[in-house]
Amino acid sequence: MAAPFWALWWVWCAAALVLGILEVLAPGFVFLGFAIGALGVGVLLLAMGSGTFGLPVLVFLFAAISLIAWLVLRRAFALPRGQVKTFDTDIND
């Protein structure tokens, strides 16, 4: 019997690719965290086998990896604490 589509590693890697493309079109590190989470689940399924985990476990792993990736990206690419963007010129000048 074939594994359901959510348990196939290439489906998660394809979702990571789509989310990565969305991140390029709408930057802001929103979709990039989800792309990293989907890629992490895809690599885990590739390493462990397709029939190893059920849907609730895969969704939990996706959410956990995505959250960790988002927190790391936020820490790595955020403005330094207390720094405010200032503008010296007016757009109408």
N, C-alpha and C. Protein backbone atom coordinates (compact mmCIF):
# COMPACT_ATOMS: atom_id res chain seq x y z
N MET A 1 0.85 -1.19 0.00
CA MET A 1 0.00 0.00 0.00
C MET A 1 0.89 1.25 0.00
N ALA A 2 0.55 2.19 -0.82
CA ALA A 2 1.34 3.42 -0.95
C ALA A 2 1.07 4.36 0.23
N ALA A 3 2.09 5.12 0.58
CA ALA A 3 1.95 6.09 1.68
C ALA A 3 1.08 7.26 1.22
N PRO A 4 0.33 7.89 2.14
CA PRO A 4 -0.44 9.08 1.76
C PRO A 4 0.48 10.20 1.32
N PHE A 5 -0.07 11.13 0.55
CA PHE A 5 0.78 12.16 -0.06
C PHE A 5 1.50 13.01 0.96
N TRP A 6 0.94 13.23 2.15
CA TRP A 6 1.61 14.06 3.14
C TRP A 6 2.80 13.35 3.79
N ALA A 7 2.93 12.07 3.57
CA ALA A 7 4.04 11.31 4.15
C ALA A 7 5.17 11.10 3.14
N LEU A 8 5.09 11.72 1.98
CA LEU A 8 6.13 11.59 0.97
C LEU A 8 7.11 12.74 1.11
N TRP A 9 8.40 12.42 1.10
CA TRP A 9 9.43 13.44 1.33
C TRP A 9 9.43 14.49 0.23
N TRP A 10 9.19 14.08 -1.01
CA TRP A 10 9.29 15.04 -2.11
C TRP A 10 8.14 16.04 -2.09
N VAL A 11 7.01 15.68 -1.49
CA VAL A 11 5.89 16.64 -1.37
C VAL A 11 6.29 17.78 -0.45
N TRP A 12 6.95 17.46 0.65
CA TRP A 12 7.39 18.50 1.59
C TRP A 12 8.50 19.35 0.96
N CYS A 13 9.38 18.73 0.19
CA CYS A 13 10.44 19.51 -0.47
C CYS A 13 9.86 20.40 -1.57
N ALA A 14 8.83 19.93 -2.27
CA ALA A 14 8.16 20.77 -3.26
C ALA A 14 7.45 21.94 -2.59
N ALA A 15 6.84 21.68 -1.44
CA ALA A 15 6.20 22.77 -0.68
C ALA A 15 7.24 23.78 -0.22
N ALA A 16 8.42 23.30 0.18
CA ALA A 16 9.50 24.21 0.57
C ALA A 16 9.93 25.08 -0.60
N LEU A 17 10.00 24.50 -1.79
CA LEU A 17 10.36 25.26 -2.98
C LEU A 17 9.32 26.33 -3.29
N VAL A 18 8.05 25.98 -3.21
CA VAL A 18 6.97 26.95 -3.45
C VAL A 18 7.02 28.07 -2.42
N LEU A 19 7.22 27.73 -1.16
CA LEU A 19 7.30 28.75 -0.12
C LEU A 19 8.54 29.62 -0.29
N GLY A 20 9.64 29.04 -0.75
CA GLY A 20 10.84 29.83 -1.03
C GLY A 20 10.61 30.81 -2.16
N ILE A 21 9.88 30.39 -3.19
CA ILE A 21 9.55 31.30 -4.29
C ILE A 21 8.63 32.41 -3.79
N LEU A 22 7.67 32.08 -2.94
CA LEU A 22 6.80 33.11 -2.36
C LEU A 22 7.59 34.12 -1.53
N GLU A 23 8.63 33.65 -0.86
CA GLU A 23 9.48 34.55 -0.08
C GLU A 23 10.21 35.53 -0.99
N VAL A 24 10.61 35.09 -2.15
CA VAL A 24 11.28 35.99 -3.09
C VAL A 24 10.29 37.04 -3.60
N LEU A 25 9.05 36.64 -3.82
CA LEU A 25 8.04 37.56 -4.33
C LEU A 25 7.51 38.51 -3.26
N ALA A 26 7.48 38.06 -2.02
CA ALA A 26 6.98 38.87 -0.91
C ALA A 26 7.97 38.77 0.25
N PRO A 27 9.09 39.50 0.18
CA PRO A 27 10.13 39.34 1.21
C PRO A 27 9.68 39.83 2.58
N GLY A 28 10.35 39.33 3.57
CA GLY A 28 10.06 39.73 4.94
C GLY A 28 10.29 38.61 5.93
N PHE A 29 10.89 37.53 5.48
CA PHE A 29 11.20 36.36 6.31
C PHE A 29 9.97 35.70 6.89
N VAL A 30 8.81 35.87 6.25
CA VAL A 30 7.60 35.19 6.71
C VAL A 30 7.56 33.79 6.10
N PHE A 31 7.64 33.72 4.78
CA PHE A 31 7.57 32.43 4.11
C PHE A 31 8.86 31.64 4.22
N LEU A 32 9.97 32.31 4.46
CA LEU A 32 11.25 31.62 4.55
C LEU A 32 11.29 30.67 5.75
N GLY A 33 10.72 31.07 6.87
CA GLY A 33 10.65 30.19 8.03
C GLY A 33 9.82 28.95 7.74
N PHE A 34 8.71 29.14 7.04
CA PHE A 34 7.88 27.99 6.66
C PHE A 34 8.59 27.10 5.65
N ALA A 35 9.34 27.72 4.73
CA ALA A 35 10.09 26.94 3.74
C ALA A 35 11.15 26.09 4.43
N ILE A 36 11.83 26.66 5.40
CA ILE A 36 12.84 25.90 6.14
C ILE A 36 12.17 24.77 6.93
N GLY A 37 11.00 25.02 7.50
CA GLY A 37 10.27 23.98 8.22
C GLY A 37 9.85 22.84 7.31
N ALA A 38 9.34 23.17 6.13
CA ALA A 38 8.93 22.13 5.18
C ALA A 38 10.13 21.34 4.68
N LEU A 39 11.24 22.03 4.43
CA LEU A 39 12.45 21.34 4.00
C LEU A 39 12.97 20.42 5.11
N GLY A 40 12.89 20.88 6.35
CA GLY A 40 13.32 20.04 7.47
C GLY A 40 12.50 18.78 7.58
N VAL A 41 11.18 18.89 7.41
CA VAL A 41 10.32 17.70 7.46
C VAL A 41 10.61 16.79 6.26
N GLY A 42 10.85 17.39 5.09
CA GLY A 42 11.18 16.58 3.91
C GLY A 42 12.47 15.80 4.09
N VAL A 43 13.48 16.44 4.64
CA VAL A 43 14.76 15.76 4.88
C VAL A 43 14.59 14.68 5.95
N LEU A 44 13.81 14.96 6.98
CA LEU A 44 13.56 13.96 8.02
C LEU A 44 12.84 12.74 7.45
N LEU A 45 11.85 12.97 6.59
CA LEU A 45 11.15 11.85 5.97
C LEU A 45 12.06 11.07 5.03
N LEU A 46 12.93 11.77 4.34
CA LEU A 46 13.88 11.09 3.46
C LEU A 46 14.82 10.20 4.26
N ALA A 47 15.25 10.69 5.42
CA ALA A 47 16.18 9.93 6.25
C ALA A 47 15.50 8.77 6.99
N MET A 48 14.28 9.00 7.46
CA MET A 48 13.62 8.01 8.31
C MET A 48 12.69 7.06 7.54
N GLY A 49 12.21 7.45 6.39
CA GLY A 49 11.27 6.63 5.64
C GLY A 49 9.90 7.27 5.62
N SER A 50 9.17 7.03 4.56
CA SER A 50 7.89 7.71 4.34
C SER A 50 6.78 7.28 5.29
N GLY A 51 6.73 6.03 5.68
CA GLY A 51 5.63 5.55 6.50
C GLY A 51 5.87 5.66 7.99
N THR A 52 6.88 6.40 8.42
CA THR A 52 7.27 6.42 9.82
C THR A 52 6.34 7.28 10.67
N PHE A 53 5.94 8.44 10.17
CA PHE A 53 5.18 9.39 10.98
C PHE A 53 3.78 9.58 10.42
N GLY A 54 2.83 9.88 11.32
CA GLY A 54 1.47 10.22 10.92
C GLY A 54 1.35 11.72 10.67
N LEU A 55 0.19 12.13 10.19
CA LEU A 55 -0.04 13.54 9.87
C LEU A 55 0.11 14.46 11.08
N PRO A 56 -0.45 14.13 12.26
CA PRO A 56 -0.29 15.05 13.39
C PRO A 56 1.18 15.27 13.78
N VAL A 57 1.98 14.23 13.72
CA VAL A 57 3.40 14.36 14.06
C VAL A 57 4.11 15.22 13.02
N LEU A 58 3.80 15.02 11.75
CA LEU A 58 4.43 15.81 10.69
C LEU A 58 4.05 17.29 10.80
N VAL A 59 2.80 17.57 11.10
CA VAL A 59 2.37 18.96 11.26
C VAL A 59 3.05 19.59 12.47
N PHE A 60 3.16 18.84 13.56
CA PHE A 60 3.86 19.35 14.74
C PHE A 60 5.33 19.63 14.44
N LEU A 61 5.99 18.71 13.75
CA LEU A 61 7.40 18.92 13.39
C LEU A 61 7.56 20.12 12.47
N PHE A 62 6.65 20.26 11.51
CA PHE A 62 6.68 21.41 10.60
C PHE A 62 6.53 22.71 11.38
N ALA A 63 5.58 22.75 12.31
CA ALA A 63 5.36 23.96 13.11
C ALA A 63 6.56 24.26 14.00
N ALA A 64 7.12 23.24 14.63
CA ALA A 64 8.25 23.46 15.54
C ALA A 64 9.49 23.93 14.77
N ILE A 65 9.81 23.28 13.66
CA ILE A 65 10.98 23.68 12.88
C ILE A 65 10.78 25.08 12.30
N SER A 66 9.56 25.38 11.84
CA SER A 66 9.27 26.71 11.29
C SER A 66 9.43 27.79 12.35
N LEU A 67 8.95 27.53 13.56
CA LEU A 67 9.07 28.51 14.64
C LEU A 67 10.53 28.74 14.99
N ILE A 68 11.29 27.68 15.12
CA ILE A 68 12.71 27.83 15.43
C ILE A 68 13.43 28.60 14.33
N ALA A 69 13.13 28.27 13.07
CA ALA A 69 13.76 28.97 11.96
C ALA A 69 13.38 30.44 11.95
N TRP A 70 12.12 30.75 12.24
CA TRP A 70 11.67 32.14 12.26
C TRP A 70 12.37 32.92 13.38
N LEU A 71 12.50 32.31 14.55
CA LEU A 71 13.18 32.98 15.66
C LEU A 71 14.66 33.22 15.35
N VAL A 72 15.31 32.25 14.72
CA VAL A 72 16.71 32.43 14.35
C VAL A 72 16.86 33.52 13.29
N LEU A 73 15.99 33.52 12.30
CA LEU A 73 16.04 34.55 11.26
C LEU A 73 15.76 35.93 11.85
N ARG A 74 14.82 36.00 12.76
CA ARG A 74 14.49 37.28 13.39
C ARG A 74 15.68 37.81 14.19
N ARG A 75 16.34 36.93 14.90
CA ARG A 75 17.50 37.33 15.69
C ARG A 75 18.66 37.74 14.79
N ALA A 76 18.86 37.01 13.70
CA ALA A 76 20.01 37.26 12.83
C ALA A 76 19.85 38.52 11.98
N PHE A 77 18.63 38.84 11.56
CA PHE A 77 18.44 39.92 10.61
C PHE A 77 17.67 41.12 11.16
N ALA A 78 17.41 41.17 12.44
CA ALA A 78 16.67 42.29 13.03
C ALA A 78 17.59 43.49 13.21
N LEU A 79 16.97 44.66 13.32
CA LEU A 79 17.73 45.86 13.67
C LEU A 79 18.24 45.73 15.09
N PRO A 80 19.38 46.32 15.39
CA PRO A 80 19.86 46.29 16.77
C PRO A 80 18.83 46.92 17.72
N ARG A 81 18.78 46.43 18.92
CA ARG A 81 17.79 46.87 19.90
C ARG A 81 17.92 48.37 20.17
N GLY A 82 16.81 49.07 20.10
CA GLY A 82 16.78 50.49 20.36
C GLY A 82 17.08 51.35 19.15
N GLN A 83 17.47 50.74 18.04
CA GLN A 83 17.79 51.51 16.85
C GLN A 83 16.50 51.86 16.10
N VAL A 84 16.42 53.12 15.70
CA VAL A 84 15.24 53.60 14.98
C VAL A 84 15.70 54.15 13.64
N LYS A 85 14.96 53.87 12.60
CA LYS A 85 15.29 54.43 11.29
C LYS A 85 14.94 55.91 11.29
N THR A 86 15.88 56.75 10.88
CA THR A 86 15.63 58.18 10.76
C THR A 86 15.88 58.61 9.32
N PHE A 87 15.21 59.66 8.92
CA PHE A 87 15.31 60.17 7.58
C PHE A 87 15.82 61.60 7.63
N ASP A 88 16.87 61.90 6.86
CA ASP A 88 17.46 63.24 6.83
C ASP A 88 16.83 64.14 5.79
N THR A 89 16.21 63.57 4.79
CA THR A 89 15.61 64.37 3.74
C THR A 89 14.15 64.00 3.58
N ASP A 90 13.43 64.91 2.99
CA ASP A 90 12.02 64.70 2.72
C ASP A 90 11.88 64.19 1.30
N ILE A 91 10.90 63.37 1.05
CA ILE A 91 10.71 62.82 -0.28
C ILE A 91 10.32 63.93 -1.28
N ASN A 92 9.77 65.02 -0.79
CA ASN A 92 9.32 66.10 -1.67
C ASN A 92 10.43 67.11 -2.00
N ASP A 93 11.59 66.98 -1.40
CA ASP A 93 12.68 67.93 -1.68
C ASP A 93 13.30 67.70 -3.02
